[in-house]
Amino acid sequence: MKQTLVTMPEIGAIAATRGMLGAGAALLLADRLPKQKRNALGWMLFLIGAISTIPLARDILGKMNAQRDGTGRLQS
């Protein structure tokens, strides 16, 4: 099993991006707001959530790779 140390601020940032991505997708699928406002807000939240995921994923994956030694195994 792979293990990586993730700090509380990183967990919060990951949760926030997932929340924005989900809220944006929900707004795009909902019929509660006028279509123009719903599309603008939905796409904005969706894109912010999606784009902000890239540096977070790179950071977490970088931590996983930094924990490996030359043989590809995790260091203790």
Protein backbone atom coordinates (compact mmCIF):
# COMPACT_ATOMS: atom_id res chain seq x y z
CA MET A 1 0.00 0.00 0.00
CA LYS A 2 1.31 3.46 -0.87
CA GLN A 3 1.33 6.04 1.91
CA THR A 4 1.93 9.77 1.61
CA LEU A 5 1.95 12.41 4.32
CA VAL A 6 -0.66 15.06 3.51
CA THR A 7 -1.02 18.11 5.75
CA MET A 8 -4.33 19.49 7.00
CA PRO A 9 -4.09 22.62 4.79
CA GLU A 10 -3.55 20.37 1.76
CA ILE A 11 -6.59 18.29 2.68
CA GLY A 12 -8.60 21.51 3.03
CA ALA A 13 -7.43 22.75 -0.37
CA ILE A 14 -8.28 19.41 -1.98
CA ALA A 15 -11.74 19.46 -0.40
CA ALA A 16 -12.32 23.05 -1.52
CA THR A 17 -11.38 22.30 -5.14
CA ARG A 18 -13.59 19.21 -5.17
CA GLY A 19 -16.42 21.31 -3.71
CA MET A 20 -16.04 24.03 -6.35
CA LEU A 21 -15.90 21.45 -9.11
CA GLY A 22 -19.03 19.74 -7.81
CA ALA A 23 -20.92 23.00 -7.20
CA GLY A 24 -20.08 24.17 -10.71
CA ALA A 25 -21.28 20.91 -12.24
CA ALA A 26 -24.47 21.04 -10.14
CA LEU A 27 -25.22 24.59 -11.27
CA LEU A 28 -24.73 23.60 -14.88
CA LEU A 29 -27.28 20.81 -14.44
CA ALA A 30 -29.81 22.72 -12.29
CA ASP A 31 -32.79 24.81 -13.37
CA ARG A 32 -33.14 27.10 -10.31
CA LEU A 33 -31.29 30.17 -11.64
CA PRO A 34 -31.79 31.98 -14.95
CA LYS A 35 -29.83 30.19 -17.66
CA GLN A 36 -27.33 33.00 -18.32
CA LYS A 37 -26.38 33.44 -14.64
CA ARG A 38 -26.35 29.69 -14.04
CA ASN A 39 -24.02 29.04 -16.94
CA ALA A 40 -21.62 31.84 -16.02
CA LEU A 41 -21.40 30.85 -12.36
CA GLY A 42 -21.39 27.12 -13.07
CA TRP A 43 -18.58 27.30 -15.61
CA MET A 44 -16.56 29.64 -13.39
CA LEU A 45 -16.77 27.29 -10.39
CA PHE A 46 -16.20 24.20 -12.51
CA LEU A 47 -13.12 25.63 -14.22
CA ILE A 48 -11.61 27.02 -10.99
CA GLY A 49 -12.08 23.62 -9.35
CA ALA A 50 -10.62 21.76 -12.32
CA ILE A 51 -7.66 24.10 -12.86
CA SER A 52 -6.73 24.32 -9.18
CA THR A 53 -6.63 20.53 -9.02
CA ILE A 54 -3.56 20.40 -11.26
CA PRO A 55 -1.00 21.99 -8.87
CA LEU A 56 -2.46 20.10 -5.90
CA ALA A 57 -2.19 16.77 -7.70
CA ARG A 58 1.34 17.61 -8.84
CA ASP A 59 2.31 18.42 -5.23
CA ILE A 60 0.86 15.18 -3.82
CA LEU A 61 2.34 13.05 -6.61
CA GLY A 62 5.69 14.82 -6.13
CA LYS A 63 5.64 13.87 -2.46
CA MET A 64 4.95 10.25 -3.40
CA ASN A 65 7.89 10.22 -5.84
CA ALA A 66 10.21 11.93 -3.32
CA GLN A 67 9.57 9.11 -0.84
CA ARG A 68 10.82 6.48 -3.26
CA ASP A 69 14.43 5.32 -3.34
CA GLY A 70 16.34 4.31 -6.45
CA THR A 71 14.70 0.87 -6.60
CA GLY A 72 11.18 2.27 -6.90
CA ARG A 73 10.29 1.19 -3.37
CA LEU A 74 9.06 3.54 -0.69
CA GLN A 75 11.66 4.71 1.79
CA SER A 76 10.93 4.22 5.47
